[in-house]
């Protein structure tokens, strides 16, 4: 009966998904800077009416326990600086998201009701796990939202233990980077993401990513594709991602299935001497000539013990 109920729930969700669109919303800004061709990052409140709205709810941000204070019995304040002030030199005032508050240290996503997958370099030891929590819905609710750093305490989950982990050794022979962690209690009212467990994504497949670039409120970005696909443990893309995007789920844009975990990328910012501030590193040719660094994604099928965890649900 347990398996029958699961099948019925899965069928219902599939039917519901077919009524929504995998199309991304139009970027609300027509004059923003570019990263790989055009900066595709948008705040997740722009996802309303697409299936990405639901998928984004299963993406969380890692934060140090010391960077949270209880606001009252039901809410918690997240502490941080503006993105501009967190950089040295400061981010130029006219750059996108310069005033948004940076609080996180990595991104991650639900694969079961009590397990999250992230990048391996985000959690190197049980001590790291003990000192970190995972927060859902750190995001703007609308364009002029000024209270986004206060989140419901029910959206915060402690890291209980590391189930499996492997960190990139920065060698050409070992680029595997993932962590599978257990939370201290189950997450309700959020659906674990569907992940690829066998095979590999197709060459040139279109991609999307959801996460917390630089630890700011959650963002969605698409308009990218698989650029290099030969390595067995990772593939490379031209996604618009940044440092704290590490651990973000990378989706096949056409299916919504998680293909991998964002783990490495190109230099995020460059110094603008004329303005004496930092700017988003812009790659104008989209790496078409392969002359620039790409963003690397660990294949989700490489996460040890993930199949074992999922088979028990």
C-alpha atoms as a PDB file:
ATOM      1  CA  UNK A   1       0.000   0.000   0.000  1.00  0.00           C
ATOM      2  CA  UNK A   2       2.910   2.335   0.784  1.00  0.00           C
ATOM      3  CA  UNK A   3       4.249   1.996  -2.783  1.00  0.00           C
ATOM      4  CA  UNK A   4       0.760   2.366  -4.289  1.00  0.00           C
ATOM      5  CA  UNK A   5       0.204   5.621  -2.437  1.00  0.00           C
ATOM      6  CA  UNK A   6       3.575   6.910  -3.571  1.00  0.00           C
ATOM      7  CA  UNK A   7       2.710   6.068  -7.148  1.00  0.00           C
ATOM      8  CA  UNK A   8      -0.621   7.873  -6.927  1.00  0.00           C
ATOM      9  CA  UNK A   9       1.038  10.955  -5.435  1.00  0.00           C
ATOM     10  CA  UNK A  10       3.704  10.919  -8.149  1.00  0.00           C
ATOM     11  CA  UNK A  11       1.039  10.554 -10.855  1.00  0.00           C
ATOM     12  CA  UNK A  12      -0.934  13.467  -9.450  1.00  0.00           C
ATOM     13  CA  UNK A  13       2.169  15.660  -9.381  1.00  0.00           C
ATOM     14  CA  UNK A  14       3.042  14.707 -12.956  1.00  0.00           C
ATOM     15  CA  UNK A  15      -0.445  15.652 -14.139  1.00  0.00           C
ATOM     16  CA  UNK A  16      -0.218  18.954 -12.273  1.00  0.00           C
ATOM     17  CA  UNK A  17       3.182  19.716 -13.785  1.00  0.00           C
ATOM     18  CA  UNK A  18       1.962  19.197 -17.339  1.00  0.00           C
ATOM     19  CA  UNK A  19      -0.509  22.046 -16.793  1.00  0.00           C
ATOM     20  CA  UNK A  20       2.329  24.437 -16.023  1.00  0.00           C
ATOM     21  CA  UNK A  21       5.038  25.750 -18.289  1.00  0.00           C
ATOM     22  CA  UNK A  22       8.751  25.077 -18.136  1.00  0.00           C
ATOM     23  CA  UNK A  23       9.202  28.381 -19.936  1.00  0.00           C
ATOM     24  CA  UNK A  24      11.124  30.904 -17.864  1.00  0.00           C
ATOM     25  CA  UNK A  25       9.615  34.299 -17.172  1.00  0.00           C
ATOM     26  CA  UNK A  26      10.889  37.239 -19.153  1.00  0.00           C
ATOM     27  CA  UNK A  27      13.744  39.005 -17.386  1.00  0.00           C
ATOM     28  CA  UNK A  28      12.252  42.244 -16.055  1.00  0.00           C
ATOM     29  CA  UNK A  29      15.343  44.286 -16.888  1.00  0.00           C
ATOM     30  CA  UNK A  30      16.483  44.982 -20.443  1.00  0.00           C
ATOM     31  CA  UNK A  31      19.666  46.870 -19.623  1.00  0.00           C
ATOM     32  CA  UNK A  32      21.432  44.679 -17.078  1.00  0.00           C
ATOM     33  CA  UNK A  33      25.057  43.590 -17.259  1.00  0.00           C
ATOM     34  CA  UNK A  34      26.149  40.346 -18.835  1.00  0.00           C
ATOM     35  CA  UNK A  35      28.128  37.375 -17.568  1.00  0.00           C
ATOM     36  CA  UNK A  36      27.997  34.647 -20.215  1.00  0.00           C
ATOM     37  CA  UNK A  37      26.411  36.725 -22.947  1.00  0.00           C
ATOM     38  CA  UNK A  38      23.602  38.186 -20.801  1.00  0.00           C
ATOM     39  CA  UNK A  39      23.140  37.971 -17.063  1.00  0.00           C
ATOM     40  CA  UNK A  40      20.099  35.726 -16.792  1.00  0.00           C
ATOM     41  CA  UNK A  41      19.673  35.921 -12.997  1.00  0.00           C
ATOM     42  CA  UNK A  42      16.259  36.996 -11.719  1.00  0.00           C
ATOM     43  CA  UNK A  43      14.627  36.991  -8.301  1.00  0.00           C
ATOM     44  CA  UNK A  44      12.393  33.989  -7.822  1.00  0.00           C
ATOM     45  CA  UNK A  45       9.176  35.969  -7.332  1.00  0.00           C
ATOM     46  CA  UNK A  46       9.279  36.401 -11.125  1.00  0.00           C
ATOM     47  CA  UNK A  47       8.729  32.617 -11.430  1.00  0.00           C
ATOM     48  CA  UNK A  48       5.047  32.845 -10.524  1.00  0.00           C
ATOM     49  CA  UNK A  49       2.884  30.815 -12.906  1.00  0.00           C
ATOM     50  CA  UNK A  50       5.642  28.466 -14.071  1.00  0.00           C
ATOM     51  CA  UNK A  51       6.692  25.064 -12.789  1.00  0.00           C
ATOM     52  CA  UNK A  52       9.962  26.686 -11.675  1.00  0.00           C
ATOM     53  CA  UNK A  53       8.071  28.419  -8.897  1.00  0.00           C
ATOM     54  CA  UNK A  54       7.391  25.060  -7.244  1.00  0.00           C
ATOM     55  CA  UNK A  55      10.855  23.656  -7.964  1.00  0.00           C
ATOM     56  CA  UNK A  56      12.515  26.717  -6.434  1.00  0.00           C
ATOM     57  CA  UNK A  57      10.818  26.013  -3.105  1.00  0.00           C
ATOM     58  CA  UNK A  58      13.029  22.936  -2.712  1.00  0.00           C
ATOM     59  CA  UNK A  59      16.273  24.928  -2.936  1.00  0.00           C
ATOM     60  CA  UNK A  60      17.874  26.063   0.332  1.00  0.00           C
ATOM     61  CA  UNK A  61      20.765  28.208   1.514  1.00  0.00           C
ATOM     62  CA  UNK A  62      23.460  27.183   3.981  1.00  0.00           C
ATOM     63  CA  UNK A  63      24.178  29.700   6.745  1.00  0.00           C
ATOM     64  CA  UNK A  64      26.348  29.760   9.853  1.00  0.00           C
ATOM     65  CA  UNK A  65      24.376  29.333  13.058  1.00  0.00           C
ATOM     66  CA  UNK A  66      26.159  32.416  14.404  1.00  0.00           C
ATOM     67  CA  UNK A  67      24.655  34.538  11.599  1.00  0.00           C
ATOM     68  CA  UNK A  68      21.083  34.022  12.823  1.00  0.00           C
ATOM     69  CA  UNK A  69      19.289  35.531  15.794  1.00  0.00           C
ATOM     70  CA  UNK A  70      15.813  34.714  17.053  1.00  0.00           C
ATOM     71  CA  UNK A  71      13.502  37.580  16.241  1.00  0.00           C
ATOM     72  CA  UNK A  72      10.525  36.272  18.207  1.00  0.00           C
ATOM     73  CA  UNK A  73       8.857  32.902  18.749  1.00  0.00           C
ATOM     74  CA  UNK A  74       8.116  32.367  15.068  1.00  0.00           C
ATOM     75  CA  UNK A  75      10.724  34.297  13.066  1.00  0.00           C
ATOM     76  CA  UNK A  76      14.504  34.547  12.745  1.00  0.00           C
ATOM     77  CA  UNK A  77      16.683  37.413  11.544  1.00  0.00           C
ATOM     78  CA  UNK A  78      19.530  36.560   9.142  1.00  0.00           C
ATOM     79  CA  UNK A  79      22.611  38.748   9.579  1.00  0.00           C
ATOM     80  CA  UNK A  80      24.884  40.021   6.853  1.00  0.00           C
ATOM     81  CA  UNK A  81      26.180  42.929   4.787  1.00  0.00           C
ATOM     82  CA  UNK A  82      25.034  44.238   1.448  1.00  0.00           C
ATOM     83  CA  UNK A  83      26.649  42.459  -1.492  1.00  0.00           C
ATOM     84  CA  UNK A  84      28.453  45.690  -2.352  1.00  0.00           C
ATOM     85  CA  UNK A  85      29.980  46.096   1.115  1.00  0.00           C
ATOM     86  CA  UNK A  86      30.903  42.418   1.360  1.00  0.00           C
ATOM     87  CA  UNK A  87      33.337  42.717  -1.560  1.00  0.00           C
ATOM     88  CA  UNK A  88      36.763  44.323  -1.585  1.00  0.00           C
ATOM     89  CA  UNK A  89      36.834  46.593  -3.518  1.00  0.00           C
ATOM     90  CA  UNK A  90      33.102  47.202  -3.100  1.00  0.00           C
ATOM     91  CA  UNK A  91      30.728  46.242  -5.893  1.00  0.00           C
ATOM     92  CA  UNK A  92      29.915  49.206  -8.132  1.00  0.00           C
ATOM     93  CA  UNK A  93      26.649  50.827  -7.074  1.00  0.00           C
ATOM     94  CA  UNK A  94      25.078  50.392 -10.515  1.00  0.00           C
ATOM     95  CA  UNK A  95      25.666  46.634 -10.604  1.00  0.00           C
ATOM     96  CA  UNK A  96      22.682  44.335 -10.285  1.00  0.00           C
ATOM     97  CA  UNK A  97      21.757  43.229  -6.716  1.00  0.00           C
ATOM     98  CA  UNK A  98      24.422  45.487  -5.152  1.00  0.00           C
ATOM     99  CA  UNK A  99      22.201  46.396  -2.183  1.00  0.00           C
ATOM    100  CA  UNK A 100      20.842  42.903  -1.458  1.00  0.00           C
ATOM    101  CA  UNK A 101      22.048  41.305   1.781  1.00  0.00           C
ATOM    102  CA  UNK A 102      24.644  38.531   1.615  1.00  0.00           C
ATOM    103  CA  UNK A 103      24.170  35.968   4.385  1.00  0.00           C
ATOM    104  CA  UNK A 104      24.737  32.471   2.964  1.00  0.00           C
ATOM    105  CA  UNK A 105      27.786  30.283   2.398  1.00  0.00           C
ATOM    106  CA  UNK A 106      26.446  27.651  -0.058  1.00  0.00           C
ATOM    107  CA  UNK A 107      23.298  26.445  -1.806  1.00  0.00           C
ATOM    108  CA  UNK A 108      21.652  23.019  -1.686  1.00  0.00           C
ATOM    109  CA  UNK A 109      18.466  21.156  -2.581  1.00  0.00           C
ATOM    110  CA  UNK A 110      16.070  18.555  -1.240  1.00  0.00           C
ATOM    111  CA  UNK A 111      16.368  15.007  -2.568  1.00  0.00           C
ATOM    112  CA  UNK A 112      14.141  13.460   0.123  1.00  0.00           C
ATOM    113  CA  UNK A 113      12.039  14.882   2.936  1.00  0.00           C
ATOM    114  CA  UNK A 114      15.114  14.920   5.206  1.00  0.00           C
ATOM    115  CA  UNK A 115      18.158  14.945   2.906  1.00  0.00           C
ATOM    116  CA  UNK A 116      19.920  17.726   1.041  1.00  0.00           C
ATOM    117  CA  UNK A 117      22.585  17.531  -1.651  1.00  0.00           C
ATOM    118  CA  UNK A 118      25.198  20.269  -1.925  1.00  0.00           C
ATOM    119  CA  UNK A 119      28.813  20.696  -3.037  1.00  0.00           C
ATOM    120  CA  UNK A 120      31.407  18.662  -1.160  1.00  0.00           C
ATOM    121  CA  UNK A 121      33.619  21.674  -0.392  1.00  0.00           C
ATOM    122  CA  UNK A 122      30.702  23.273   1.469  1.00  0.00           C
ATOM    123  CA  UNK A 123      30.895  20.724   4.303  1.00  0.00           C
ATOM    124  CA  UNK A 124      34.336  19.256   4.939  1.00  0.00           C
ATOM    125  CA  UNK A 125      33.680  17.731   8.371  1.00  0.00           C
ATOM    126  CA  UNK A 126      31.015  16.945  10.941  1.00  0.00           C
ATOM    127  CA  UNK A 127      32.132  20.109  12.754  1.00  0.00           C
ATOM    128  CA  UNK A 128      31.123  22.085   9.656  1.00  0.00           C
ATOM    129  CA  UNK A 129      27.773  20.314   9.709  1.00  0.00           C
ATOM    130  CA  UNK A 130      27.252  21.086  13.402  1.00  0.00           C
ATOM    131  CA  UNK A 131      27.902  24.792  12.869  1.00  0.00           C
ATOM    132  CA  UNK A 132      25.610  25.254   9.853  1.00  0.00           C
ATOM    133  CA  UNK A 133      21.893  25.328   9.157  1.00  0.00           C
ATOM    134  CA  UNK A 134      19.797  25.281   5.989  1.00  0.00           C
ATOM    135  CA  UNK A 135      17.230  27.988   5.287  1.00  0.00           C
ATOM    136  CA  UNK A 136      14.389  27.778   2.776  1.00  0.00           C
ATOM    137  CA  UNK A 137      12.744  30.803   1.165  1.00  0.00           C
ATOM    138  CA  UNK A 138      15.496  33.352   1.696  1.00  0.00           C
ATOM    139  CA  UNK A 139      14.153  35.414  -1.190  1.00  0.00           C
ATOM    140  CA  UNK A 140      12.345  38.610  -2.082  1.00  0.00           C
ATOM    141  CA  UNK A 141       8.577  38.179  -2.126  1.00  0.00           C
ATOM    142  CA  UNK A 142       8.106  41.176  -4.433  1.00  0.00           C
ATOM    143  CA  UNK A 143      10.269  43.906  -5.998  1.00  0.00           C
ATOM    144  CA  UNK A 144      10.225  46.344  -3.069  1.00  0.00           C
ATOM    145  CA  UNK A 145      10.364  43.732  -0.282  1.00  0.00           C
ATOM    146  CA  UNK A 146      12.396  45.217   2.596  1.00  0.00           C
ATOM    147  CA  UNK A 147      11.814  42.431   5.155  1.00  0.00           C
ATOM    148  CA  UNK A 148      13.375  39.503   3.309  1.00  0.00           C
ATOM    149  CA  UNK A 149      16.119  38.954   5.916  1.00  0.00           C
ATOM    150  CA  UNK A 150      13.444  37.913   8.441  1.00  0.00           C
ATOM    151  CA  UNK A 151      12.350  34.331   7.724  1.00  0.00           C
ATOM    152  CA  UNK A 152       9.914  31.970   9.450  1.00  0.00           C
ATOM    153  CA  UNK A 153      11.814  29.850  11.986  1.00  0.00           C
ATOM    154  CA  UNK A 154       9.984  26.781  10.656  1.00  0.00           C
ATOM    155  CA  UNK A 155      12.018  27.199   7.422  1.00  0.00           C
ATOM    156  CA  UNK A 156      15.336  26.605   9.220  1.00  0.00           C
ATOM    157  CA  UNK A 157      16.797  23.107   9.563  1.00  0.00           C
ATOM    158  CA  UNK A 158      19.979  22.009  11.319  1.00  0.00           C
ATOM    159  CA  UNK A 159      22.533  19.823   9.601  1.00  0.00           C
ATOM    160  CA  UNK A 160      22.399  16.505  11.500  1.00  0.00           C
ATOM    161  CA  UNK A 161      25.115  14.475   9.774  1.00  0.00           C
ATOM    162  CA  UNK A 162      27.028  13.957   6.559  1.00  0.00           C
ATOM    163  CA  UNK A 163      25.910  10.771   4.803  1.00  0.00           C
ATOM    164  CA  UNK A 164      28.543  10.907   2.045  1.00  0.00           C
ATOM    165  CA  UNK A 165      30.985  13.549   0.902  1.00  0.00           C
ATOM    166  CA  UNK A 166      33.825  14.119  -1.551  1.00  0.00           C
ATOM    167  CA  UNK A 167      35.601  17.435  -2.071  1.00  0.00           C
ATOM    168  CA  UNK A 168      37.357  18.526  -5.245  1.00  0.00           C
ATOM    169  CA  UNK A 169      41.090  17.927  -4.746  1.00  0.00           C
ATOM    170  CA  UNK A 170      42.012  20.577  -7.344  1.00  0.00           C
ATOM    171  CA  UNK A 171      43.793  18.000  -9.470  1.00  0.00           C
ATOM    172  CA  UNK A 172      42.979  17.033 -13.039  1.00  0.00           C
ATOM    173  CA  UNK A 173      42.441  13.429 -11.955  1.00  0.00           C
ATOM    174  CA  UNK A 174      39.978  13.995  -9.105  1.00  0.00           C
ATOM    175  CA  UNK A 175      37.311  16.669  -9.704  1.00  0.00           C
ATOM    176  CA  UNK A 176      34.484  14.933  -7.849  1.00  0.00           C
ATOM    177  CA  UNK A 177      32.675  17.328  -5.509  1.00  0.00           C
ATOM    178  CA  UNK A 178      29.432  16.545  -3.629  1.00  0.00           C
ATOM    179  CA  UNK A 179      27.893  16.131  -0.191  1.00  0.00           C
ATOM    180  CA  UNK A 180      24.745  14.297   0.857  1.00  0.00           C
ATOM    181  CA  UNK A 181      23.533  15.399   4.285  1.00  0.00           C
ATOM    182  CA  UNK A 182      20.727  14.527   6.656  1.00  0.00           C
ATOM    183  CA  UNK A 183      18.676  17.274   8.290  1.00  0.00           C
ATOM    184  CA  UNK A 184      17.632  17.234  11.927  1.00  0.00           C
ATOM    185  CA  UNK A 185      13.952  16.782  11.029  1.00  0.00           C
ATOM    186  CA  UNK A 186      11.747  16.254   8.008  1.00  0.00           C
ATOM    187  CA  UNK A 187      10.793  19.050   5.644  1.00  0.00           C
ATOM    188  CA  UNK A 188       7.062  19.210   4.984  1.00  0.00           C
ATOM    189  CA  UNK A 189       5.114  20.936   2.212  1.00  0.00           C
ATOM    190  CA  UNK A 190       8.102  20.920  -0.147  1.00  0.00           C
ATOM    191  CA  UNK A 191       8.615  18.268  -2.782  1.00  0.00           C
ATOM    192  CA  UNK A 192      12.094  16.708  -3.202  1.00  0.00           C
ATOM    193  CA  UNK A 193      13.506  17.394  -6.637  1.00  0.00           C
ATOM    194  CA  UNK A 194      13.617  14.698  -9.294  1.00  0.00           C
ATOM    195  CA  UNK A 195      17.215  13.738 -10.112  1.00  0.00           C
ATOM    196  CA  UNK A 196      18.939  11.734 -12.834  1.00  0.00           C
ATOM    197  CA  UNK A 197      20.381   8.498 -11.428  1.00  0.00           C
ATOM    198  CA  UNK A 198      21.590   6.813 -14.618  1.00  0.00           C
ATOM    199  CA  UNK A 199      23.294   7.930 -17.827  1.00  0.00           C
ATOM    200  CA  UNK A 200      24.281  11.468 -18.689  1.00  0.00           C
ATOM    201  CA  UNK A 201      22.738  14.620 -20.071  1.00  0.00           C
ATOM    202  CA  UNK A 202      22.809  15.159 -23.839  1.00  0.00           C
ATOM    203  CA  UNK A 203      25.398  17.376 -25.517  1.00  0.00           C
ATOM    204  CA  UNK A 204      24.256  21.004 -25.889  1.00  0.00           C
ATOM    205  CA  UNK A 205      21.176  20.406 -23.707  1.00  0.00           C
ATOM    206  CA  UNK A 206      19.594  23.615 -22.364  1.00  0.00           C
ATOM    207  CA  UNK A 207      20.092  24.292 -18.652  1.00  0.00           C
ATOM    208  CA  UNK A 208      18.738  26.315 -15.750  1.00  0.00           C
ATOM    209  CA  UNK A 209      20.000  26.842 -12.202  1.00  0.00           C
ATOM    210  CA  UNK A 210      18.399  27.946  -8.926  1.00  0.00           C
ATOM    211  CA  UNK A 211      20.479  29.039  -5.963  1.00  0.00           C
ATOM    212  CA  UNK A 212      21.974  31.826  -3.900  1.00  0.00           C
ATOM    213  CA  UNK A 213      24.734  33.590  -5.866  1.00  0.00           C
ATOM    214  CA  UNK A 214      27.107  35.213  -3.359  1.00  0.00           C
ATOM    215  CA  UNK A 215      24.701  34.296  -0.546  1.00  0.00           C
ATOM    216  CA  UNK A 216      22.044  36.831  -1.573  1.00  0.00           C
ATOM    217  CA  UNK A 217      18.309  36.077  -1.955  1.00  0.00           C
ATOM    218  CA  UNK A 218      17.462  33.121  -4.202  1.00  0.00           C
ATOM    219  CA  UNK A 219      17.838  33.551  -7.966  1.00  0.00           C
ATOM    220  CA  UNK A 220      16.851  31.673 -11.125  1.00  0.00           C
ATOM    221  CA  UNK A 221      18.963  31.726 -14.298  1.00  0.00           C
ATOM    222  CA  UNK A 222      18.591  29.975 -17.637  1.00  0.00           C
ATOM    223  CA  UNK A 223      19.806  30.565 -21.198  1.00  0.00           C
ATOM    224  CA  UNK A 224      22.779  28.226 -20.740  1.00  0.00           C
ATOM    225  CA  UNK A 225      23.692  24.843 -22.182  1.00  0.00           C
ATOM    226  CA  UNK A 226      26.055  21.898 -21.806  1.00  0.00           C
ATOM    227  CA  UNK A 227      29.357  23.017 -23.331  1.00  0.00           C
ATOM    228  CA  UNK A 228      31.651  20.060 -22.508  1.00  0.00           C
ATOM    229  CA  UNK A 229      30.300  16.609 -21.681  1.00  0.00           C
ATOM    230  CA  UNK A 230      33.122  14.057 -21.933  1.00  0.00           C
ATOM    231  CA  UNK A 231      34.190  13.699 -18.304  1.00  0.00           C
ATOM    232  CA  UNK A 232      32.508  10.923 -16.350  1.00  0.00           C
ATOM    233  CA  UNK A 233      32.081  12.867 -13.088  1.00  0.00           C
ATOM    234  CA  UNK A 234      31.214  16.394 -14.256  1.00  0.00           C
ATOM    235  CA  UNK A 235      30.106  18.456 -17.235  1.00  0.00           C
ATOM    236  CA  UNK A 236      30.834  22.107 -18.050  1.00  0.00           C
ATOM    237  CA  UNK A 237      28.401  24.905 -18.864  1.00  0.00           C
ATOM    238  CA  UNK A 238      28.075  28.639 -19.479  1.00  0.00           C
ATOM    239  CA  UNK A 239      25.669  29.204 -16.575  1.00  0.00           C
ATOM    240  CA  UNK A 240      25.514  32.617 -14.892  1.00  0.00           C
ATOM    241  CA  UNK A 241      26.616  31.506 -11.432  1.00  0.00           C
ATOM    242  CA  UNK A 242      28.697  32.881  -8.586  1.00  0.00           C
ATOM    243  CA  UNK A 243      30.606  31.734  -5.519  1.00  0.00           C
ATOM    244  CA  UNK A 244      27.774  30.722  -3.174  1.00  0.00           C
ATOM    245  CA  UNK A 245      25.940  29.058  -6.047  1.00  0.00           C
ATOM    246  CA  UNK A 246      28.106  26.078  -5.062  1.00  0.00           C
ATOM    247  CA  UNK A 247      25.658  23.277  -4.326  1.00  0.00           C
ATOM    248  CA  UNK A 248      22.897  24.685  -6.537  1.00  0.00           C
ATOM    249  CA  UNK A 249      20.819  22.200  -8.550  1.00  0.00           C
ATOM    250  CA  UNK A 250      21.446  22.408 -12.302  1.00  0.00           C
ATOM    251  CA  UNK A 251      18.319  21.420 -14.227  1.00  0.00           C
ATOM    252  CA  UNK A 252      17.650  20.183 -17.713  1.00  0.00           C
ATOM    253  CA  UNK A 253      15.579  23.163 -18.823  1.00  0.00           C
ATOM    254  CA  UNK A 254      13.268  21.019 -20.959  1.00  0.00           C
ATOM    255  CA  UNK A 255      12.395  18.422 -18.303  1.00  0.00           C
ATOM    256  CA  UNK A 256      13.005  20.029 -14.902  1.00  0.00           C
ATOM    257  CA  UNK A 257      15.140  17.039 -13.851  1.00  0.00           C
ATOM    258  CA  UNK A 258      18.269  17.806 -11.798  1.00  0.00           C
ATOM    259  CA  UNK A 259      21.323  16.803 -13.817  1.00  0.00           C
ATOM    260  CA  UNK A 260      24.001  17.934 -11.411  1.00  0.00           C
ATOM    261  CA  UNK A 261      25.444  20.136  -8.675  1.00  0.00           C
ATOM    262  CA  UNK A 262      27.187  23.447  -9.414  1.00  0.00           C
ATOM    263  CA  UNK A 263      30.686  23.150  -7.929  1.00  0.00           C
ATOM    264  CA  UNK A 264      33.259  25.328  -9.756  1.00  0.00           C
ATOM    265  CA  UNK A 265      33.369  28.367 -11.977  1.00  0.00           C
ATOM    266  CA  UNK A 266      35.174  31.291 -13.508  1.00  0.00           C
ATOM    267  CA  UNK A 267      36.313  34.435 -11.689  1.00  0.00           C
ATOM    268  CA  UNK A 268      33.209  36.267 -10.449  1.00  0.00           C
ATOM    269  CA  UNK A 269      34.358  39.897 -10.355  1.00  0.00           C
ATOM    270  CA  UNK A 270      36.960  42.146 -11.934  1.00  0.00           C
ATOM    271  CA  UNK A 271      38.268  45.539 -10.838  1.00  0.00           C
ATOM    272  CA  UNK A 272      37.006  48.607 -12.688  1.00  0.00           C
ATOM    273  CA  UNK A 273      39.911  51.048 -12.287  1.00  0.00           C
ATOM    274  CA  UNK A 274      37.985  53.973 -13.758  1.00  0.00           C
ATOM    275  CA  UNK A 275      35.203  53.621 -11.186  1.00  0.00           C
ATOM    276  CA  UNK A 276      37.388  52.201  -8.381  1.00  0.00           C
ATOM    277  CA  UNK A 277      34.984  49.341  -7.675  1.00  0.00           C
ATOM    278  CA  UNK A 278      34.279  45.713  -8.613  1.00  0.00           C
ATOM    279  CA  UNK A 279      32.148  44.638 -11.554  1.00  0.00           C
ATOM    280  CA  UNK A 280      30.636  41.320 -12.618  1.00  0.00           C
ATOM    281  CA  UNK A 281      33.129  39.476 -14.786  1.00  0.00           C
ATOM    282  CA  UNK A 282      31.680  39.703 -18.294  1.00  0.00           C
ATOM    283  CA  UNK A 283      32.335  37.061 -20.950  1.00  0.00           C
ATOM    284  CA  UNK A 284      31.042  38.451 -24.207  1.00  0.00           C
ATOM    285  CA  UNK A 285      31.493  35.498 -26.547  1.00  0.00           C
ATOM    286  CA  UNK A 286      29.779  32.917 -24.348  1.00  0.00           C
ATOM    287  CA  UNK A 287      32.971  30.808 -24.346  1.00  0.00           C
ATOM    288  CA  UNK A 288      32.201  29.716 -27.891  1.00  0.00           C
ATOM    289  CA  UNK A 289      35.899  29.627 -28.675  1.00  0.00           C
ATOM    290  CA  UNK A 290      36.607  27.844 -25.323  1.00  0.00           C
ATOM    291  CA  UNK A 291      39.061  30.595 -24.402  1.00  0.00           C
ATOM    292  CA  UNK A 292      37.488  31.209 -20.989  1.00  0.00           C
ATOM    293  CA  UNK A 293      36.771  29.185 -17.872  1.00  0.00           C
ATOM    294  CA  UNK A 294      33.413  27.425 -17.723  1.00  0.00           C
ATOM    295  CA  UNK A 295      31.152  26.486 -14.797  1.00  0.00           C
ATOM    296  CA  UNK A 296      31.592  22.849 -13.718  1.00  0.00           C
ATOM    297  CA  UNK A 297      28.719  20.648 -12.562  1.00  0.00           C
ATOM    298  CA  UNK A 298      29.145  17.349 -10.690  1.00  0.00           C
ATOM    299  CA  UNK A 299      26.854  14.747 -12.223  1.00  0.00           C
ATOM    300  CA  UNK A 300      24.155  13.965  -9.660  1.00  0.00           C
ATOM    301  CA  UNK A 301      24.494  10.265 -10.516  1.00  0.00           C
ATOM    302  CA  UNK A 302      27.953  10.367  -8.865  1.00  0.00           C
ATOM    303  CA  UNK A 303      26.601  11.108  -5.380  1.00  0.00           C
ATOM    304  CA  UNK A 304      27.427   8.089  -3.226  1.00  0.00           C
ATOM    305  CA  UNK A 305      24.546   6.539  -1.245  1.00  0.00           C
ATOM    306  CA  UNK A 306      21.949   8.704  -2.985  1.00  0.00           C
ATOM    307  CA  UNK A 307      20.317   5.726  -4.714  1.00  0.00           C
ATOM    308  CA  UNK A 308      20.258   3.882  -1.389  1.00  0.00           C
ATOM    309  CA  UNK A 309      18.548   6.830   0.316  1.00  0.00           C
ATOM    310  CA  UNK A 310      15.989   7.283  -2.460  1.00  0.00           C
ATOM    311  CA  UNK A 311      15.163   3.569  -2.628  1.00  0.00           C
ATOM    312  CA  UNK A 312      13.946   3.717   0.962  1.00  0.00           C
ATOM    313  CA  UNK A 313      11.300   6.327   0.139  1.00  0.00           C
END
